[in-house]
C-alpha atoms as a PDB file:
ATOM      1  CA  UNK A   1      39.448  23.022 -65.379  1.00  0.00           C
ATOM      2  CA  UNK A   2      36.724  21.600 -63.360  1.00  0.00           C
ATOM      3  CA  UNK A   3      33.235  22.737 -63.663  1.00  0.00           C
ATOM      4  CA  UNK A   4      31.170  23.144 -60.648  1.00  0.00           C
ATOM      5  CA  UNK A   5      27.508  22.635 -60.696  1.00  0.00           C
ATOM      6  CA  UNK A   6      25.861  25.876 -60.123  1.00  0.00           C
ATOM      7  CA  UNK A   7      22.593  26.398 -58.444  1.00  0.00           C
ATOM      8  CA  UNK A   8      20.049  28.711 -59.702  1.00  0.00           C
ATOM      9  CA  UNK A   9      19.646  31.834 -57.662  1.00  0.00           C
ATOM     10  CA  UNK A  10      16.448  30.865 -55.683  1.00  0.00           C
ATOM     11  CA  UNK A  11      17.243  27.200 -55.098  1.00  0.00           C
ATOM     12  CA  UNK A  12      18.502  26.079 -51.649  1.00  0.00           C
ATOM     13  CA  UNK A  13      20.147  22.773 -50.810  1.00  0.00           C
ATOM     14  CA  UNK A  14      17.653  19.979 -50.035  1.00  0.00           C
ATOM     15  CA  UNK A  15      18.335  17.652 -47.124  1.00  0.00           C
ATOM     16  CA  UNK A  16      16.047  14.718 -46.376  1.00  0.00           C
ATOM     17  CA  UNK A  17      16.189  11.959 -43.794  1.00  0.00           C
ATOM     18  CA  UNK A  18      14.627   8.629 -44.592  1.00  0.00           C
ATOM     19  CA  UNK A  19      12.404   7.822 -41.582  1.00  0.00           C
ATOM     20  CA  UNK A  20      11.400   4.344 -42.726  1.00  0.00           C
ATOM     21  CA  UNK A  21      14.243   2.543 -40.978  1.00  0.00           C
ATOM     22  CA  UNK A  22      13.704   4.533 -37.767  1.00  0.00           C
ATOM     23  CA  UNK A  23       9.985   3.691 -37.713  1.00  0.00           C
ATOM     24  CA  UNK A  24      10.792   0.017 -38.311  1.00  0.00           C
ATOM     25  CA  UNK A  25      13.258   0.054 -35.428  1.00  0.00           C
ATOM     26  CA  UNK A  26      10.705   1.741 -33.137  1.00  0.00           C
ATOM     27  CA  UNK A  27       8.056  -0.886 -33.863  1.00  0.00           C
ATOM     28  CA  UNK A  28      10.588  -3.675 -33.378  1.00  0.00           C
ATOM     29  CA  UNK A  29      11.520  -2.350 -29.938  1.00  0.00           C
ATOM     30  CA  UNK A  30       7.848  -1.869 -29.023  1.00  0.00           C
ATOM     31  CA  UNK A  31       6.983  -5.458 -29.951  1.00  0.00           C
ATOM     32  CA  UNK A  32      10.024  -6.735 -28.043  1.00  0.00           C
ATOM     33  CA  UNK A  33       8.965  -4.929 -24.853  1.00  0.00           C
ATOM     34  CA  UNK A  34       5.346  -6.048 -25.192  1.00  0.00           C
ATOM     35  CA  UNK A  35       6.421  -9.680 -25.513  1.00  0.00           C
ATOM     36  CA  UNK A  36       9.049  -9.709 -22.733  1.00  0.00           C
ATOM     37  CA  UNK A  37       7.329  -7.565 -20.076  1.00  0.00           C
ATOM     38  CA  UNK A  38       4.792 -10.213 -18.927  1.00  0.00           C
ATOM     39  CA  UNK A  39       7.613 -12.729 -18.504  1.00  0.00           C
ATOM     40  CA  UNK A  40       9.536 -10.278 -16.304  1.00  0.00           C
ATOM     41  CA  UNK A  41       6.518  -9.472 -14.117  1.00  0.00           C
ATOM     42  CA  UNK A  42       5.626 -13.083 -13.311  1.00  0.00           C
ATOM     43  CA  UNK A  43       8.985 -13.967 -11.788  1.00  0.00           C
ATOM     44  CA  UNK A  44       8.464 -16.732  -9.203  1.00  0.00           C
ATOM     45  CA  UNK A  45       5.390 -18.933  -9.517  1.00  0.00           C
ATOM     46  CA  UNK A  46       3.433 -19.332  -6.268  1.00  0.00           C
ATOM     47  CA  UNK A  47      -0.077 -20.415  -5.337  1.00  0.00           C
ATOM     48  CA  UNK A  48      -1.886 -17.537  -3.674  1.00  0.00           C
ATOM     49  CA  UNK A  49      -4.425 -18.212  -0.900  1.00  0.00           C
ATOM     50  CA  UNK A  50      -8.073 -17.920  -1.774  1.00  0.00           C
ATOM     51  CA  UNK A  51     -10.335 -15.347  -0.191  1.00  0.00           C
ATOM     52  CA  UNK A  52     -13.912 -15.897   0.888  1.00  0.00           C
ATOM     53  CA  UNK A  53     -16.256 -14.830  -1.859  1.00  0.00           C
ATOM     54  CA  UNK A  54     -18.647 -13.004   0.472  1.00  0.00           C
ATOM     55  CA  UNK A  55     -16.812 -11.947   3.627  1.00  0.00           C
ATOM     56  CA  UNK A  56     -19.062 -11.381   6.611  1.00  0.00           C
ATOM     57  CA  UNK A  57     -19.771  -7.791   7.491  1.00  0.00           C
ATOM     58  CA  UNK A  58     -19.352  -6.857  11.166  1.00  0.00           C
ATOM     59  CA  UNK A  59     -22.542  -7.210  13.192  1.00  0.00           C
ATOM     60  CA  UNK A  60     -23.484  -4.734  15.898  1.00  0.00           C
ATOM     61  CA  UNK A  61     -22.075  -7.044  18.574  1.00  0.00           C
ATOM     62  CA  UNK A  62     -18.945  -7.608  16.436  1.00  0.00           C
ATOM     63  CA  UNK A  63     -18.289  -3.864  16.019  1.00  0.00           C
ATOM     64  CA  UNK A  64     -14.635  -2.839  16.064  1.00  0.00           C
ATOM     65  CA  UNK A  65     -13.344  -1.718  19.446  1.00  0.00           C
ATOM     66  CA  UNK A  66     -11.201   1.405  19.588  1.00  0.00           C
ATOM     67  CA  UNK A  67      -8.080   1.724  21.690  1.00  0.00           C
ATOM     68  CA  UNK A  68      -7.103   5.398  21.752  1.00  0.00           C
ATOM     69  CA  UNK A  69      -3.870   6.893  23.093  1.00  0.00           C
ATOM     70  CA  UNK A  70      -3.954  10.663  23.496  1.00  0.00           C
ATOM     71  CA  UNK A  71      -1.063  13.116  23.476  1.00  0.00           C
ATOM     72  CA  UNK A  72      -0.664  12.784  27.281  1.00  0.00           C
ATOM     73  CA  UNK A  73      -0.248   8.999  26.949  1.00  0.00           C
ATOM     74  CA  UNK A  74      -3.692   8.259  28.435  1.00  0.00           C
ATOM     75  CA  UNK A  75      -5.271   5.031  27.176  1.00  0.00           C
ATOM     76  CA  UNK A  76      -8.969   4.639  26.371  1.00  0.00           C
ATOM     77  CA  UNK A  77     -10.927   1.552  25.348  1.00  0.00           C
ATOM     78  CA  UNK A  78     -14.117   2.618  23.554  1.00  0.00           C
ATOM     79  CA  UNK A  79     -13.810   6.104  25.128  1.00  0.00           C
ATOM     80  CA  UNK A  80     -13.417   4.660  28.652  1.00  0.00           C
ATOM     81  CA  UNK A  81     -10.139   5.689  30.363  1.00  0.00           C
ATOM     82  CA  UNK A  82      -7.983   2.896  31.805  1.00  0.00           C
ATOM     83  CA  UNK A  83      -4.446   1.834  32.552  1.00  0.00           C
ATOM     84  CA  UNK A  84      -2.492  -0.542  30.354  1.00  0.00           C
ATOM     85  CA  UNK A  85      -3.024  -3.356  32.881  1.00  0.00           C
ATOM     86  CA  UNK A  86      -6.804  -2.809  32.857  1.00  0.00           C
ATOM     87  CA  UNK A  87      -6.673  -2.770  29.045  1.00  0.00           C
ATOM     88  CA  UNK A  88      -4.963  -6.180  29.052  1.00  0.00           C
ATOM     89  CA  UNK A  89      -7.615  -7.654  31.356  1.00  0.00           C
ATOM     90  CA  UNK A  90     -10.513  -6.257  29.297  1.00  0.00           C
ATOM     91  CA  UNK A  91      -8.984  -7.381  25.987  1.00  0.00           C
ATOM     92  CA  UNK A  92      -8.380 -10.921  27.286  1.00  0.00           C
ATOM     93  CA  UNK A  93     -12.038 -11.120  28.309  1.00  0.00           C
ATOM     94  CA  UNK A  94     -13.127  -9.842  24.863  1.00  0.00           C
ATOM     95  CA  UNK A  95     -10.883 -12.328  23.042  1.00  0.00           C
ATOM     96  CA  UNK A  96     -12.092 -15.205  25.235  1.00  0.00           C
ATOM     97  CA  UNK A  97     -15.650 -14.306  24.264  1.00  0.00           C
ATOM     98  CA  UNK A  98     -14.878 -13.768  20.562  1.00  0.00           C
ATOM     99  CA  UNK A  99     -11.420 -14.732  19.180  1.00  0.00           C
ATOM    100  CA  UNK A 100     -12.001 -12.622  16.057  1.00  0.00           C
ATOM    101  CA  UNK A 101     -12.744  -9.385  17.914  1.00  0.00           C
ATOM    102  CA  UNK A 102     -11.571  -6.446  15.743  1.00  0.00           C
ATOM    103  CA  UNK A 103      -9.557  -3.681  17.418  1.00  0.00           C
ATOM    104  CA  UNK A 104      -8.609  -0.291  15.964  1.00  0.00           C
ATOM    105  CA  UNK A 105      -5.593   1.464  17.502  1.00  0.00           C
ATOM    106  CA  UNK A 106      -5.698   5.253  17.312  1.00  0.00           C
ATOM    107  CA  UNK A 107      -2.612   7.124  18.497  1.00  0.00           C
ATOM    108  CA  UNK A 108      -1.871  10.844  18.467  1.00  0.00           C
ATOM    109  CA  UNK A 109       0.849  11.748  15.965  1.00  0.00           C
ATOM    110  CA  UNK A 110       2.850  13.533  18.683  1.00  0.00           C
ATOM    111  CA  UNK A 111       3.357  10.243  20.571  1.00  0.00           C
ATOM    112  CA  UNK A 112       6.627   8.410  20.363  1.00  0.00           C
ATOM    113  CA  UNK A 113       6.766   5.054  18.631  1.00  0.00           C
ATOM    114  CA  UNK A 114       7.289   3.141  21.884  1.00  0.00           C
ATOM    115  CA  UNK A 115       3.999   4.314  23.430  1.00  0.00           C
ATOM    116  CA  UNK A 116       1.952   2.939  20.566  1.00  0.00           C
ATOM    117  CA  UNK A 117       3.991  -0.266  20.451  1.00  0.00           C
ATOM    118  CA  UNK A 118       3.269  -0.952  24.156  1.00  0.00           C
ATOM    119  CA  UNK A 119      -0.430  -1.040  23.317  1.00  0.00           C
ATOM    120  CA  UNK A 120       0.168  -3.176  20.210  1.00  0.00           C
ATOM    121  CA  UNK A 121       2.194  -5.620  22.352  1.00  0.00           C
ATOM    122  CA  UNK A 122      -0.718  -5.881  24.810  1.00  0.00           C
ATOM    123  CA  UNK A 123      -3.031  -6.643  21.888  1.00  0.00           C
ATOM    124  CA  UNK A 124      -0.631  -9.298  20.627  1.00  0.00           C
ATOM    125  CA  UNK A 125      -0.232 -10.846  24.087  1.00  0.00           C
ATOM    126  CA  UNK A 126      -4.034 -10.999  24.424  1.00  0.00           C
ATOM    127  CA  UNK A 127      -4.199 -12.710  21.002  1.00  0.00           C
ATOM    128  CA  UNK A 128      -6.314  -9.928  19.482  1.00  0.00           C
ATOM    129  CA  UNK A 129      -4.917 -10.502  15.995  1.00  0.00           C
ATOM    130  CA  UNK A 130      -7.554  -8.564  14.034  1.00  0.00           C
ATOM    131  CA  UNK A 131      -5.924  -5.217  14.670  1.00  0.00           C
ATOM    132  CA  UNK A 132      -5.398  -2.112  12.542  1.00  0.00           C
ATOM    133  CA  UNK A 133      -3.606   1.186  13.066  1.00  0.00           C
ATOM    134  CA  UNK A 134      -5.847   4.125  12.161  1.00  0.00           C
ATOM    135  CA  UNK A 135      -4.436   6.981  10.065  1.00  0.00           C
ATOM    136  CA  UNK A 136      -5.905   9.989   8.298  1.00  0.00           C
ATOM    137  CA  UNK A 137      -5.587  10.307   4.554  1.00  0.00           C
ATOM    138  CA  UNK A 138      -4.289  13.674   3.397  1.00  0.00           C
END
């Protein structure tokens, strides 16, 4: 007859898990990711262009001009209403005077994409390349 080991009345079975190997594995994976991540981020080596250390701030005469398009598709240059043809003439004169003239394009959000792009095309045709589309941060 076999004898079974008996437990005393108050004693419960003890189960333990050795965490040493799991901790070692965790640190191994962490070191592996730390070593390989910079190699993955670099990817293709290129030489980036350098930026001027102290870029010039706009002077009063070099202040950004605003081209505004309202919800009714009316065009304004510095709050002065005009047609798209008049805008092209005025912008060409500005660019001839200063090739780096900055222009901000403000368009109502209800406008269709084509209306704003007509104005951007005029800016491009006039060679006003320092251009930005104005948005509101929410």
